[in-house]
Amino acid sequence: MRKSFIFSMVALSFLLFSTNAFASFPVKKSTNTETSVVMDADTNADSADIAVVGSGKSQLTALLLVIFLGWLGVHRFYLGYIWQGVVQLLTLGGFGIWALIDLIRIITGDLQPKNGPYSKTL
């Protein structure tokens, strides 16, 4: 009973957090390559420090995901690392060690989203 419950929870988590969707017919896949430019209102465009924000991901959200669901690898799915998320899901976060390392890397800002830096940091 317990094994089937754990298996069903893992399968459900995988289905909920998987970002890949497949169709049985040809579908044109669109990509969003837009980036936002953030400028300080007090400076002019010539001397402004321009920060490109492309990911739209929050470091706090990634931190909360690794704390509460790190053993499922949900934070890796959130950050865009799908295959690493699948491996963490199958190994229960690398038996907890990989999830702990990811916790430290997210806190220090070393583990960034796949498509750019965090839009909101701690």
PDB file of N, CA and C in Angstrom:
ATOM      1  N   MET A   1       0.826  -1.188   0.000  1.00  0.00           N
ATOM      2  CA  MET A   1       0.000   0.000   0.000  1.00  0.00           C
ATOM      3  C   MET A   1       0.873   1.256   0.000  1.00  0.00           C
ATOM      4  N   ARG A   2       1.887   1.258   0.860  1.00  0.00           N
ATOM      5  CA  ARG A   2       2.726   2.447   0.965  1.00  0.00           C
ATOM      6  C   ARG A   2       3.553   2.648  -0.302  1.00  0.00           C
ATOM      7  N   LYS A   3       4.052   1.538  -0.872  1.00  0.00           N
ATOM      8  CA  LYS A   3       4.845   1.652  -2.087  1.00  0.00           C
ATOM      9  C   LYS A   3       4.003   2.191  -3.240  1.00  0.00           C
ATOM     10  N   SER A   4       2.765   1.740  -3.347  1.00  0.00           N
ATOM     11  CA  SER A   4       1.910   2.219  -4.431  1.00  0.00           C
ATOM     12  C   SER A   4       1.555   3.693  -4.219  1.00  0.00           C
ATOM     13  N   PHE A   5       1.385   4.119  -2.973  1.00  0.00           N
ATOM     14  CA  PHE A   5       1.109   5.528  -2.687  1.00  0.00           C
ATOM     15  C   PHE A   5       2.301   6.390  -3.070  1.00  0.00           C
ATOM     16  N   ILE A   6       3.505   5.969  -2.696  1.00  0.00           N
ATOM     17  CA  ILE A   6       4.706   6.724  -3.033  1.00  0.00           C
ATOM     18  C   ILE A   6       4.879   6.791  -4.546  1.00  0.00           C
ATOM     19  N   PHE A   7       4.679   5.657  -5.209  1.00  0.00           N
ATOM     20  CA  PHE A   7       4.810   5.628  -6.658  1.00  0.00           C
ATOM     21  C   PHE A   7       3.793   6.555  -7.316  1.00  0.00           C
ATOM     22  N   SER A   8       2.556   6.540  -6.849  1.00  0.00           N
ATOM     23  CA  SER A   8       1.542   7.398  -7.448  1.00  0.00           C
ATOM     24  C   SER A   8       1.841   8.873  -7.188  1.00  0.00           C
ATOM     25  N   MET A   9       2.391   9.215  -6.028  1.00  0.00           N
ATOM     26  CA  MET A   9       2.747  10.607  -5.748  1.00  0.00           C
ATOM     27  C   MET A   9       3.903  11.066  -6.632  1.00  0.00           C
ATOM     28  N   VAL A  10       4.881  10.203  -6.829  1.00  0.00           N
ATOM     29  CA  VAL A  10       6.014  10.531  -7.703  1.00  0.00           C
ATOM     30  C   VAL A  10       5.532  10.710  -9.134  1.00  0.00           C
ATOM     31  N   ALA A  11       4.674   9.813  -9.592  1.00  0.00           N
ATOM     32  CA  ALA A  11       4.153   9.914 -10.958  1.00  0.00           C
ATOM     33  C   ALA A  11       3.309  11.174 -11.129  1.00  0.00           C
ATOM     34  N   LEU A  12       2.486  11.483 -10.146  1.00  0.00           N
ATOM     35  CA  LEU A  12       1.666  12.680 -10.214  1.00  0.00           C
ATOM     36  C   LEU A  12       2.532  13.936 -10.218  1.00  0.00           C
ATOM     37  N   SER A  13       3.563  13.963  -9.385  1.00  0.00           N
ATOM     38  CA  SER A  13       4.467  15.114  -9.354  1.00  0.00           C
ATOM     39  C   SER A  13       5.162  15.288 -10.692  1.00  0.00           C
ATOM     40  N   PHE A  14       5.577  14.193 -11.271  1.00  0.00           N
ATOM     41  CA  PHE A  14       6.242  14.268 -12.568  1.00  0.00           C
ATOM     42  C   PHE A  14       5.299  14.837 -13.622  1.00  0.00           C
ATOM     43  N   LEU A  15       4.064  14.385 -13.632  1.00  0.00           N
ATOM     44  CA  LEU A  15       3.114  14.867 -14.624  1.00  0.00           C
ATOM     45  C   LEU A  15       2.756  16.335 -14.407  1.00  0.00           C
ATOM     46  N   LEU A  16       2.662  16.751 -13.155  1.00  0.00           N
ATOM     47  CA  LEU A  16       2.282  18.130 -12.871  1.00  0.00           C
ATOM     48  C   LEU A  16       3.377  19.123 -13.205  1.00  0.00           C
ATOM     49  N   PHE A  17       4.630  18.753 -12.979  1.00  0.00           N
ATOM     50  CA  PHE A  17       5.716  19.700 -13.119  1.00  0.00           C
ATOM     51  C   PHE A  17       6.525  19.535 -14.391  1.00  0.00           C
ATOM     52  N   SER A  18       6.128  18.638 -15.250  1.00  0.00           N
ATOM     53  CA  SER A  18       6.825  18.468 -16.520  1.00  0.00           C
ATOM     54  C   SER A  18       6.387  19.576 -17.471  1.00  0.00           C
ATOM     55  N   THR A  19       7.341  20.237 -18.079  1.00  0.00           N
ATOM     56  CA  THR A  19       7.007  21.342 -18.980  1.00  0.00           C
ATOM     57  C   THR A  19       6.962  20.897 -20.433  1.00  0.00           C
ATOM     58  N   ASN A  20       7.326  19.669 -20.712  1.00  0.00           N
ATOM     59  CA  ASN A  20       7.276  19.180 -22.088  1.00  0.00           C
ATOM     60  C   ASN A  20       5.883  18.628 -22.362  1.00  0.00           C
ATOM     61  N   ALA A  21       5.319  19.021 -23.471  1.00  0.00           N
ATOM     62  CA  ALA A  21       4.022  18.504 -23.879  1.00  0.00           C
ATOM     63  C   ALA A  21       4.159  17.970 -25.298  1.00  0.00           C
ATOM     64  N   PHE A  22       3.589  16.823 -25.538  1.00  0.00           N
ATOM     65  CA  PHE A  22       3.696  16.196 -26.830  1.00  0.00           C
ATOM     66  C   PHE A  22       2.310  15.994 -27.414  1.00  0.00           C
ATOM     67  N   ALA A  23       2.210  16.115 -28.728  1.00  0.00           N
ATOM     68  CA  ALA A  23       0.946  15.898 -29.411  1.00  0.00           C
ATOM     69  C   ALA A  23       1.136  14.782 -30.423  1.00  0.00           C
ATOM     70  N   SER A  24       0.051  14.182 -30.821  1.00  0.00           N
ATOM     71  CA  SER A  24       0.133  13.087 -31.781  1.00  0.00           C
ATOM     72  C   SER A  24       0.109  13.593 -33.222  1.00  0.00           C
ATOM     73  N   PHE A  25       0.112  14.899 -33.398  1.00  0.00           N
ATOM     74  CA  PHE A  25       0.127  15.498 -34.720  1.00  0.00           C
ATOM     75  C   PHE A  25       1.161  16.615 -34.727  1.00  0.00           C
ATOM     76  N   PRO A  26       1.631  17.024 -35.884  1.00  0.00           N
ATOM     77  CA  PRO A  26       2.663  18.072 -35.929  1.00  0.00           C
ATOM     78  C   PRO A  26       2.150  19.394 -35.348  1.00  0.00           C
ATOM     79  N   VAL A  27       2.929  19.947 -34.454  1.00  0.00           N
ATOM     80  CA  VAL A  27       2.579  21.217 -33.829  1.00  0.00           C
ATOM     81  C   VAL A  27       3.785  22.131 -33.948  1.00  0.00           C
ATOM     82  N   LYS A  28       3.545  23.344 -34.399  1.00  0.00           N
ATOM     83  CA  LYS A  28       4.622  24.320 -34.479  1.00  0.00           C
ATOM     84  C   LYS A  28       4.914  24.828 -33.080  1.00  0.00           C
ATOM     85  N   LYS A  29       6.145  24.649 -32.642  1.00  0.00           N
ATOM     86  CA  LYS A  29       6.541  25.059 -31.301  1.00  0.00           C
ATOM     87  C   LYS A  29       7.030  26.498 -31.347  1.00  0.00           C
ATOM     88  N   SER A  30       6.408  27.347 -30.552  1.00  0.00           N
ATOM     89  CA  SER A  30       6.819  28.739 -30.521  1.00  0.00           C
ATOM     90  C   SER A  30       7.710  28.981 -29.322  1.00  0.00           C
ATOM     91  N   THR A  31       8.655  29.870 -29.500  1.00  0.00           N
ATOM     92  CA  THR A  31       9.551  30.219 -28.401  1.00  0.00           C
ATOM     93  C   THR A  31       9.428  31.699 -28.121  1.00  0.00           C
ATOM     94  N   ASN A  32       9.527  32.040 -26.870  1.00  0.00           N
ATOM     95  CA  ASN A  32       9.471  33.422 -26.453  1.00  0.00           C
ATOM     96  C   ASN A  32      10.886  33.872 -26.144  1.00  0.00           C
ATOM     97  N   THR A  33      11.412  34.753 -26.977  1.00  0.00           N
ATOM     98  CA  THR A  33      12.786  35.215 -26.787  1.00  0.00           C
ATOM     99  C   THR A  33      12.838  36.665 -26.344  1.00  0.00           C
ATOM    100  N   GLU A  34      11.711  37.175 -25.863  1.00  0.00           N
ATOM    101  CA  GLU A  34      11.688  38.565 -25.418  1.00  0.00           C
ATOM    102  C   GLU A  34      12.445  38.722 -24.113  1.00  0.00           C
ATOM    103  N   THR A  35      13.124  39.834 -23.978  1.00  0.00           N
ATOM    104  CA  THR A  35      13.785  40.175 -22.725  1.00  0.00           C
ATOM    105  C   THR A  35      13.344  41.565 -22.316  1.00  0.00           C
ATOM    106  N   SER A  36      13.370  41.825 -21.041  1.00  0.00           N
ATOM    107  CA  SER A  36      12.995  43.133 -20.528  1.00  0.00           C
ATOM    108  C   SER A  36      14.251  43.903 -20.176  1.00  0.00           C
ATOM    109  N   VAL A  37      14.200  45.178 -20.386  1.00  0.00           N
ATOM    110  CA  VAL A  37      15.304  46.049 -20.011  1.00  0.00           C
ATOM    111  C   VAL A  37      14.822  46.914 -18.859  1.00  0.00           C
ATOM    112  N   VAL A  38      15.562  46.855 -17.753  1.00  0.00           N
ATOM    113  CA  VAL A  38      15.205  47.605 -16.568  1.00  0.00           C
ATOM    114  C   VAL A  38      16.170  48.771 -16.440  1.00  0.00           C
ATOM    115  N   MET A  39      15.627  49.995 -16.372  1.00  0.00           N
ATOM    116  CA  MET A  39      16.462  51.179 -16.251  1.00  0.00           C
ATOM    117  C   MET A  39      16.006  51.986 -15.049  1.00  0.00           C
ATOM    118  N   ASP A  40      16.929  52.629 -14.407  1.00  0.00           N
ATOM    119  CA  ASP A  40      16.628  53.506 -13.295  1.00  0.00           C
ATOM    120  C   ASP A  40      16.026  54.790 -13.852  1.00  0.00           C
ATOM    121  N   ALA A  41      14.936  55.275 -13.258  1.00  0.00           N
ATOM    122  CA  ALA A  41      14.242  56.454 -13.768  1.00  0.00           C
ATOM    123  C   ALA A  41      15.034  57.738 -13.535  1.00  0.00           C
ATOM    124  N   ASP A  42      15.986  57.738 -12.580  1.00  0.00           N
ATOM    125  CA  ASP A  42      16.735  58.950 -12.257  1.00  0.00           C
ATOM    126  C   ASP A  42      17.894  59.220 -13.210  1.00  0.00           C
ATOM    127  N   THR A  43      18.225  58.297 -14.054  1.00  0.00           N
ATOM    128  CA  THR A  43      19.368  58.476 -14.943  1.00  0.00           C
ATOM    129  C   THR A  43      18.898  58.500 -16.387  1.00  0.00           C
ATOM    130  N   ASN A  44      19.728  59.055 -17.257  1.00  0.00           N
ATOM    131  CA  ASN A  44      19.368  59.031 -18.667  1.00  0.00           C
ATOM    132  C   ASN A  44      19.870  57.743 -19.305  1.00  0.00           C
ATOM    133  N   ALA A  45      19.503  57.527 -20.560  1.00  0.00           N
ATOM    134  CA  ALA A  45      19.815  56.264 -21.220  1.00  0.00           C
ATOM    135  C   ALA A  45      21.305  56.101 -21.494  1.00  0.00           C
ATOM    136  N   ASP A  46      22.051  57.199 -21.595  1.00  0.00           N
ATOM    137  CA  ASP A  46      23.471  57.098 -21.902  1.00  0.00           C
ATOM    138  C   ASP A  46      24.274  56.552 -20.730  1.00  0.00           C
ATOM    139  N   SER A  47      23.908  56.911 -19.507  1.00  0.00           N
ATOM    140  CA  SER A  47      24.699  56.492 -18.353  1.00  0.00           C
ATOM    141  C   SER A  47      24.001  55.449 -17.491  1.00  0.00           C
ATOM    142  N   ALA A  48      22.925  54.877 -17.989  1.00  0.00           N
ATOM    143  CA  ALA A  48      22.154  53.924 -17.181  1.00  0.00           C
ATOM    144  C   ALA A  48      22.817  52.553 -17.192  1.00  0.00           C
ATOM    145  N   ASP A  49      22.776  51.906 -16.052  1.00  0.00           N
ATOM    146  CA  ASP A  49      23.191  50.510 -15.981  1.00  0.00           C
ATOM    147  C   ASP A  49      21.984  49.681 -16.391  1.00  0.00           C
ATOM    148  N   ILE A  50      22.129  48.943 -17.456  1.00  0.00           N
ATOM    149  CA  ILE A  50      21.011  48.188 -17.999  1.00  0.00           C
ATOM    150  C   ILE A  50      21.149  46.738 -17.568  1.00  0.00           C
ATOM    151  N   ALA A  51      20.088  46.217 -16.950  1.00  0.00           N
ATOM    152  CA  ALA A  51      20.062  44.820 -16.523  1.00  0.00           C
ATOM    153  C   ALA A  51      19.042  44.091 -17.385  1.00  0.00           C
ATOM    154  N   VAL A  52      19.454  43.013 -18.004  1.00  0.00           N
ATOM    155  CA  VAL A  52      18.559  42.232 -18.834  1.00  0.00           C
ATOM    156  C   VAL A  52      17.983  41.119 -17.971  1.00  0.00           C
ATOM    157  N   VAL A  53      16.662  41.100 -17.904  1.00  0.00           N
ATOM    158  CA  VAL A  53      15.966  40.103 -17.103  1.00  0.00           C
ATOM    159  C   VAL A  53      15.231  39.203 -18.076  1.00  0.00           C
ATOM    160  N   GLY A  54      15.664  37.944 -18.167  1.00  0.00           N
ATOM    161  CA  GLY A  54      15.072  37.065 -19.153  1.00  0.00           C
ATOM    162  C   GLY A  54      14.369  35.861 -18.606  1.00  0.00           C
ATOM    163  N   SER A  55      14.582  35.515 -17.335  1.00  0.00           N
ATOM    164  CA  SER A  55      14.051  34.247 -16.866  1.00  0.00           C
ATOM    165  C   SER A  55      12.676  34.364 -16.234  1.00  0.00           C
ATOM    166  N   GLY A  56      12.414  35.424 -15.483  1.00  0.00           N
ATOM    167  CA  GLY A  56      11.141  35.556 -14.802  1.00  0.00           C
ATOM    168  C   GLY A  56      11.001  34.629 -13.618  1.00  0.00           C
ATOM    169  N   LYS A  57      12.088  34.062 -13.153  1.00  0.00           N
ATOM    170  CA  LYS A  57      12.077  33.128 -12.030  1.00  0.00           C
ATOM    171  C   LYS A  57      12.515  33.832 -10.757  1.00  0.00           C
ATOM    172  N   SER A  58      11.954  33.402  -9.650  1.00  0.00           N
ATOM    173  CA  SER A  58      12.263  33.980  -8.356  1.00  0.00           C
ATOM    174  C   SER A  58      13.191  33.049  -7.572  1.00  0.00           C
ATOM    175  N   GLN A  59      14.214  33.619  -6.977  1.00  0.00           N
ATOM    176  CA  GLN A  59      15.136  32.838  -6.164  1.00  0.00           C
ATOM    177  C   GLN A  59      14.441  32.327  -4.907  1.00  0.00           C
ATOM    178  N   LEU A  60      13.519  33.114  -4.349  1.00  0.00           N
ATOM    179  CA  LEU A  60      12.780  32.688  -3.171  1.00  0.00           C
ATOM    180  C   LEU A  60      11.899  31.487  -3.477  1.00  0.00           C
ATOM    181  N   THR A  61      11.246  31.482  -4.633  1.00  0.00           N
ATOM    182  CA  THR A  61      10.422  30.344  -5.031  1.00  0.00           C
ATOM    183  C   THR A  61      11.268  29.092  -5.189  1.00  0.00           C
ATOM    184  N   ALA A  62      12.424  29.226  -5.832  1.00  0.00           N
ATOM    185  CA  ALA A  62      13.324  28.078  -5.989  1.00  0.00           C
ATOM    186  C   ALA A  62      13.795  27.569  -4.634  1.00  0.00           C
ATOM    187  N   LEU A  63      14.068  28.492  -3.702  1.00  0.00           N
ATOM    188  CA  LEU A  63      14.514  28.111  -2.369  1.00  0.00           C
ATOM    189  C   LEU A  63      13.417  27.358  -1.624  1.00  0.00           C
ATOM    190  N   LEU A  64      12.192  27.842  -1.698  1.00  0.00           N
ATOM    191  CA  LEU A  64      11.089  27.153  -1.022  1.00  0.00           C
ATOM    192  C   LEU A  64      10.824  25.780  -1.636  1.00  0.00           C
ATOM    193  N   LEU A  65      10.945  25.678  -2.952  1.00  0.00           N
ATOM    194  CA  LEU A  65      10.747  24.384  -3.613  1.00  0.00           C
ATOM    195  C   LEU A  65      11.809  23.379  -3.194  1.00  0.00           C
ATOM    196  N   VAL A  66      13.064  23.809  -3.084  1.00  0.00           N
ATOM    197  CA  VAL A  66      14.119  22.870  -2.704  1.00  0.00           C
ATOM    198  C   VAL A  66      13.992  22.486  -1.227  1.00  0.00           C
ATOM    199  N   ILE A  67      13.494  23.390  -0.389  1.00  0.00           N
ATOM    200  CA  ILE A  67      13.335  23.057   1.030  1.00  0.00           C
ATOM    201  C   ILE A  67      12.231  22.030   1.219  1.00  0.00           C
ATOM    202  N   PHE A  68      11.080  22.268   0.595  1.00  0.00           N
ATOM    203  CA  PHE A  68       9.929  21.407   0.850  1.00  0.00           C
ATOM    204  C   PHE A  68       9.816  20.220  -0.111  1.00  0.00           C
ATOM    205  N   LEU A  69      10.266  20.363  -1.350  1.00  0.00           N
ATOM    206  CA  LEU A  69      10.126  19.293  -2.337  1.00  0.00           C
ATOM    207  C   LEU A  69      11.445  18.944  -3.004  1.00  0.00           C
ATOM    208  N   GLY A  70      12.558  19.210  -2.329  1.00  0.00           N
ATOM    209  CA  GLY A  70      13.867  18.958  -2.917  1.00  0.00           C
ATOM    210  C   GLY A  70      14.108  17.500  -3.238  1.00  0.00           C
ATOM    211  N   TRP A  71      13.548  16.623  -2.445  1.00  0.00           N
ATOM    212  CA  TRP A  71      13.743  15.188  -2.687  1.00  0.00           C
ATOM    213  C   TRP A  71      13.023  14.720  -3.944  1.00  0.00           C
ATOM    214  N   LEU A  72      12.106  15.542  -4.482  1.00  0.00           N
ATOM    215  CA  LEU A  72      11.440  15.216  -5.740  1.00  0.00           C
ATOM    216  C   LEU A  72      12.079  15.912  -6.937  1.00  0.00           C
ATOM    217  N   GLY A  73      12.972  16.870  -6.693  1.00  0.00           N
ATOM    218  CA  GLY A  73      13.622  17.582  -7.774  1.00  0.00           C
ATOM    219  C   GLY A  73      12.748  18.630  -8.439  1.00  0.00           C
ATOM    220  N   VAL A  74      11.691  19.053  -7.760  1.00  0.00           N
ATOM    221  CA  VAL A  74      10.752  20.016  -8.347  1.00  0.00           C
ATOM    222  C   VAL A  74      11.446  21.343  -8.655  1.00  0.00           C
ATOM    223  N   HIS A  75      12.407  21.722  -7.838  1.00  0.00           N
ATOM    224  CA  HIS A  75      13.124  22.973  -8.083  1.00  0.00           C
ATOM    225  C   HIS A  75      13.882  22.936  -9.395  1.00  0.00           C
ATOM    226  N   ARG A  76      14.377  21.772  -9.797  1.00  0.00           N
ATOM    227  CA  ARG A  76      15.084  21.650 -11.080  1.00  0.00           C
ATOM    228  C   ARG A  76      14.117  21.826 -12.246  1.00  0.00           C
ATOM    229  N   PHE A  77      12.897  21.285 -12.115  1.00  0.00           N
ATOM    230  CA  PHE A  77      11.887  21.504 -13.146  1.00  0.00           C
ATOM    231  C   PHE A  77      11.560  22.995 -13.242  1.00  0.00           C
ATOM    232  N   TYR A  78      11.416  23.657 -12.092  1.00  0.00           N
ATOM    233  CA  TYR A  78      11.090  25.083 -12.052  1.00  0.00           C
ATOM    234  C   TYR A  78      12.186  25.924 -12.714  1.00  0.00           C
ATOM    235  N   LEU A  79      13.434  25.560 -12.491  1.00  0.00           N
ATOM    236  CA  LEU A  79      14.551  26.321 -13.047  1.00  0.00           C
ATOM    237  C   LEU A  79      14.841  25.992 -14.511  1.00  0.00           C
ATOM    238  N   GLY A  80      14.156  24.982 -15.060  1.00  0.00           N
ATOM    239  CA  GLY A  80      14.301  24.665 -16.476  1.00  0.00           C
ATOM    240  C   GLY A  80      15.224  23.501 -16.777  1.00  0.00           C
ATOM    241  N   TYR A  81      15.741  22.836 -15.766  1.00  0.00           N
ATOM    242  CA  TYR A  81      16.624  21.683 -15.955  1.00  0.00           C
ATOM    243  C   TYR A  81      15.787  20.405 -15.859  1.00  0.00           C
ATOM    244  N   ILE A  82      15.112  20.066 -16.945  1.00  0.00           N
ATOM    245  CA  ILE A  82      14.134  18.987 -16.946  1.00  0.00           C
ATOM    246  C   ILE A  82      14.788  17.627 -16.696  1.00  0.00           C
ATOM    247  N   TRP A  83      15.862  17.312 -17.422  1.00  0.00           N
ATOM    248  CA  TRP A  83      16.480  15.996 -17.269  1.00  0.00           C
ATOM    249  C   TRP A  83      17.088  15.818 -15.882  1.00  0.00           C
ATOM    250  N   GLN A  84      17.688  16.855 -15.342  1.00  0.00           N
ATOM    251  CA  GLN A  84      18.220  16.749 -13.983  1.00  0.00           C
ATOM    252  C   GLN A  84      17.086  16.595 -12.982  1.00  0.00           C
ATOM    253  N   GLY A  85      15.949  17.217 -13.261  1.00  0.00           N
ATOM    254  CA  GLY A  85      14.777  17.048 -12.408  1.00  0.00           C
ATOM    255  C   GLY A  85      14.257  15.622 -12.440  1.00  0.00           C
ATOM    256  N   VAL A  86      14.263  15.013 -13.624  1.00  0.00           N
ATOM    257  CA  VAL A  86      13.819  13.620 -13.743  1.00  0.00           C
ATOM    258  C   VAL A  86      14.752  12.695 -12.964  1.00  0.00           C
ATOM    259  N   VAL A  87      16.059  12.933 -13.081  1.00  0.00           N
ATOM    260  CA  VAL A  87      17.025  12.095 -12.358  1.00  0.00           C
ATOM    261  C   VAL A  87      16.859  12.276 -10.851  1.00  0.00           C
ATOM    262  N   GLN A  88      16.649  13.507 -10.411  1.00  0.00           N
ATOM    263  CA  GLN A  88      16.425  13.732  -8.978  1.00  0.00           C
ATOM    264  C   GLN A  88      15.118  13.090  -8.529  1.00  0.00           C
ATOM    265  N   LEU A  89      14.122  13.122  -9.373  1.00  0.00           N
ATOM    266  CA  LEU A  89      12.848  12.491  -9.045  1.00  0.00           C
ATOM    267  C   LEU A  89      13.015  10.984  -8.875  1.00  0.00           C
ATOM    268  N   LEU A  90      13.782  10.370  -9.757  1.00  0.00           N
ATOM    269  CA  LEU A  90      13.972   8.917  -9.703  1.00  0.00           C
ATOM    270  C   LEU A  90      14.900   8.477  -8.571  1.00  0.00           C
ATOM    271  N   THR A  91      15.825   9.356  -8.154  1.00  0.00           N
ATOM    272  CA  THR A  91      16.775   8.992  -7.090  1.00  0.00           C
ATOM    273  C   THR A  91      16.441   9.642  -5.754  1.00  0.00           C
ATOM    274  N   LEU A  92      15.229  10.250  -5.681  1.00  0.00           N
ATOM    275  CA  LEU A  92      14.796  10.948  -4.467  1.00  0.00           C
ATOM    276  C   LEU A  92      15.811  12.012  -4.053  1.00  0.00           C
ATOM    277  N   GLY A  93      16.125  12.868  -5.002  1.00  0.00           N
ATOM    278  CA  GLY A  93      17.040  13.977  -4.734  1.00  0.00           C
ATOM    279  C   GLY A  93      18.464  13.524  -4.541  1.00  0.00           C
ATOM    280  N   GLY A  94      18.856  12.465  -5.238  1.00  0.00           N
ATOM    281  CA  GLY A  94      20.215  11.945  -5.062  1.00  0.00           C
ATOM    282  C   GLY A  94      20.406  11.454  -3.643  1.00  0.00           C
ATOM    283  N   PHE A  95      19.356  10.774  -3.127  1.00  0.00           N
ATOM    284  CA  PHE A  95      19.323  10.264  -1.752  1.00  0.00           C
ATOM    285  C   PHE A  95      19.499  11.387  -0.735  1.00  0.00           C
ATOM    286  N   GLY A  96      19.013  12.591  -1.109  1.00  0.00           N
ATOM    287  CA  GLY A  96      19.046  13.739  -0.208  1.00  0.00           C
ATOM    288  C   GLY A  96      20.296  14.577  -0.322  1.00  0.00           C
ATOM    289  N   ILE A  97      21.369  14.002  -0.825  1.00  0.00           N
ATOM    290  CA  ILE A  97      22.638  14.726  -0.899  1.00  0.00           C
ATOM    291  C   ILE A  97      22.591  15.784  -1.988  1.00  0.00           C
ATOM    292  N   TRP A  98      22.079  15.419  -3.159  1.00  0.00           N
ATOM    293  CA  TRP A  98      21.999  16.349  -4.273  1.00  0.00           C
ATOM    294  C   TRP A  98      21.054  17.500  -3.938  1.00  0.00           C
ATOM    295  N   ALA A  99      19.956  17.200  -3.255  1.00  0.00           N
ATOM    296  CA  ALA A  99      19.016  18.251  -2.854  1.00  0.00           C
ATOM    297  C   ALA A  99      19.670  19.211  -1.856  1.00  0.00           C
ATOM    298  N   LEU A 100      20.484  18.692  -0.949  1.00  0.00           N
ATOM    299  CA  LEU A 100      21.182  19.542   0.018  1.00  0.00           C
ATOM    300  C   LEU A 100      22.192  20.455  -0.690  1.00  0.00           C
ATOM    301  N   ILE A 101      22.894  19.902  -1.658  1.00  0.00           N
ATOM    302  CA  ILE A 101      23.846  20.707  -2.435  1.00  0.00           C
ATOM    303  C   ILE A 101      23.109  21.792  -3.215  1.00  0.00           C
ATOM    304  N   ASP A 102      21.964  21.440  -3.804  1.00  0.00           N
ATOM    305  CA  ASP A 102      21.166  22.432  -4.524  1.00  0.00           C
ATOM    306  C   ASP A 102      20.642  23.521  -3.592  1.00  0.00           C
ATOM    307  N   LEU A 103      20.289  23.156  -2.364  1.00  0.00           N
ATOM    308  CA  LEU A 103      19.847  24.141  -1.375  1.00  0.00           C
ATOM    309  C   LEU A 103      20.939  25.186  -1.147  1.00  0.00           C
ATOM    310  N   ILE A 104      22.158  24.725  -0.952  1.00  0.00           N
ATOM    311  CA  ILE A 104      23.280  25.642  -0.727  1.00  0.00           C
ATOM    312  C   ILE A 104      23.549  26.478  -1.975  1.00  0.00           C
ATOM    313  N   ARG A 105      23.476  25.853  -3.150  1.00  0.00           N
ATOM    314  CA  ARG A 105      23.734  26.582  -4.394  1.00  0.00           C
ATOM    315  C   ARG A 105      22.670  27.633  -4.684  1.00  0.00           C
ATOM    316  N   ILE A 106      21.421  27.372  -4.324  1.00  0.00           N
ATOM    317  CA  ILE A 106      20.363  28.365  -4.542  1.00  0.00           C
ATOM    318  C   ILE A 106      20.526  29.523  -3.572  1.00  0.00           C
ATOM    319  N   ILE A 107      20.872  29.234  -2.315  1.00  0.00           N
ATOM    320  CA  ILE A 107      21.066  30.298  -1.325  1.00  0.00           C
ATOM    321  C   ILE A 107      22.206  31.219  -1.750  1.00  0.00           C
ATOM    322  N   THR A 108      23.300  30.644  -2.231  1.00  0.00           N
ATOM    323  CA  THR A 108      24.453  31.457  -2.634  1.00  0.00           C
ATOM    324  C   THR A 108      24.265  32.099  -4.008  1.00  0.00           C
ATOM    325  N   GLY A 109      23.238  31.689  -4.750  1.00  0.00           N
ATOM    326  CA  GLY A 109      22.995  32.245  -6.077  1.00  0.00           C
ATOM    327  C   GLY A 109      23.790  31.568  -7.171  1.00  0.00           C
ATOM    328  N   ASP A 110      24.435  30.448  -6.865  1.00  0.00           N
ATOM    329  CA  ASP A 110      25.241  29.726  -7.845  1.00  0.00           C
ATOM    330  C   ASP A 110      24.366  28.948  -8.832  1.00  0.00           C
ATOM    331  N   LEU A 111      23.228  28.445  -8.385  1.00  0.00           N
ATOM    332  CA  LEU A 111      22.315  27.695  -9.256  1.00  0.00           C
ATOM    333  C   LEU A 111      21.290  28.668  -9.826  1.00  0.00           C
ATOM    334  N   GLN A 112      21.485  29.043 -11.081  1.00  0.00           N
ATOM    335  CA  GLN A 112      20.646  30.024 -11.769  1.00  0.00           C
ATOM    336  C   GLN A 112      19.651  29.303 -12.674  1.00  0.00           C
ATOM    337  N   PRO A 113      18.569  29.971 -13.078  1.00  0.00           N
ATOM    338  CA  PRO A 113      17.660  29.380 -14.071  1.00  0.00           C
ATOM    339  C   PRO A 113      18.392  29.136 -15.384  1.00  0.00           C
ATOM    340  N   LYS A 114      17.879  28.193 -16.153  1.00  0.00           N
ATOM    341  CA  LYS A 114      18.541  27.797 -17.379  1.00  0.00           C
ATOM    342  C   LYS A 114      18.569  28.918 -18.425  1.00  0.00           C
ATOM    343  N   ASN A 115      17.515  29.727 -18.487  1.00  0.00           N
ATOM    344  CA  ASN A 115      17.414  30.734 -19.540  1.00  0.00           C
ATOM    345  C   ASN A 115      17.772  32.137 -19.081  1.00  0.00           C
ATOM    346  N   GLY A 116      18.572  32.289 -18.049  1.00  0.00           N
ATOM    347  CA  GLY A 116      19.000  33.618 -17.616  1.00  0.00           C
ATOM    348  C   GLY A 116      19.022  33.745 -16.111  1.00  0.00           C
ATOM    349  N   PRO A 117      19.374  34.924 -15.626  1.00  0.00           N
ATOM    350  CA  PRO A 117      19.449  35.117 -14.166  1.00  0.00           C
ATOM    351  C   PRO A 117      18.058  35.223 -13.541  1.00  0.00           C
ATOM    352  N   TYR A 118      18.019  35.151 -12.225  1.00  0.00           N
ATOM    353  CA  TYR A 118      16.765  35.339 -11.507  1.00  0.00           C
ATOM    354  C   TYR A 118      16.244  36.751 -11.740  1.00  0.00           C
ATOM    355  N   SER A 119      14.934  36.895 -11.861  1.00  0.00           N
ATOM    356  CA  SER A 119      14.360  38.233 -11.958  1.00  0.00           C
ATOM    357  C   SER A 119      14.164  38.831 -10.572  1.00  0.00           C
ATOM    358  N   LYS A 120      13.973  37.969  -9.556  1.00  0.00           N
ATOM    359  CA  LYS A 120      13.858  38.419  -8.174  1.00  0.00           C
ATOM    360  C   LYS A 120      14.830  37.598  -7.331  1.00  0.00           C
ATOM    361  N   THR A 121      15.706  38.272  -6.610  1.00  0.00           N
ATOM    362  CA  THR A 121      16.673  37.582  -5.757  1.00  0.00           C
ATOM    363  C   THR A 121      16.322  37.793  -4.289  1.00  0.00           C
ATOM    364  N   LEU A 122      17.015  37.051  -3.442  1.00  0.00           N
ATOM    365  CA  LEU A 122      16.760  37.156  -1.994  1.00  0.00           C
ATOM    366  C   LEU A 122      17.183  38.490  -1.435  1.00  0.00           C
TER     367      LEU A 122
END
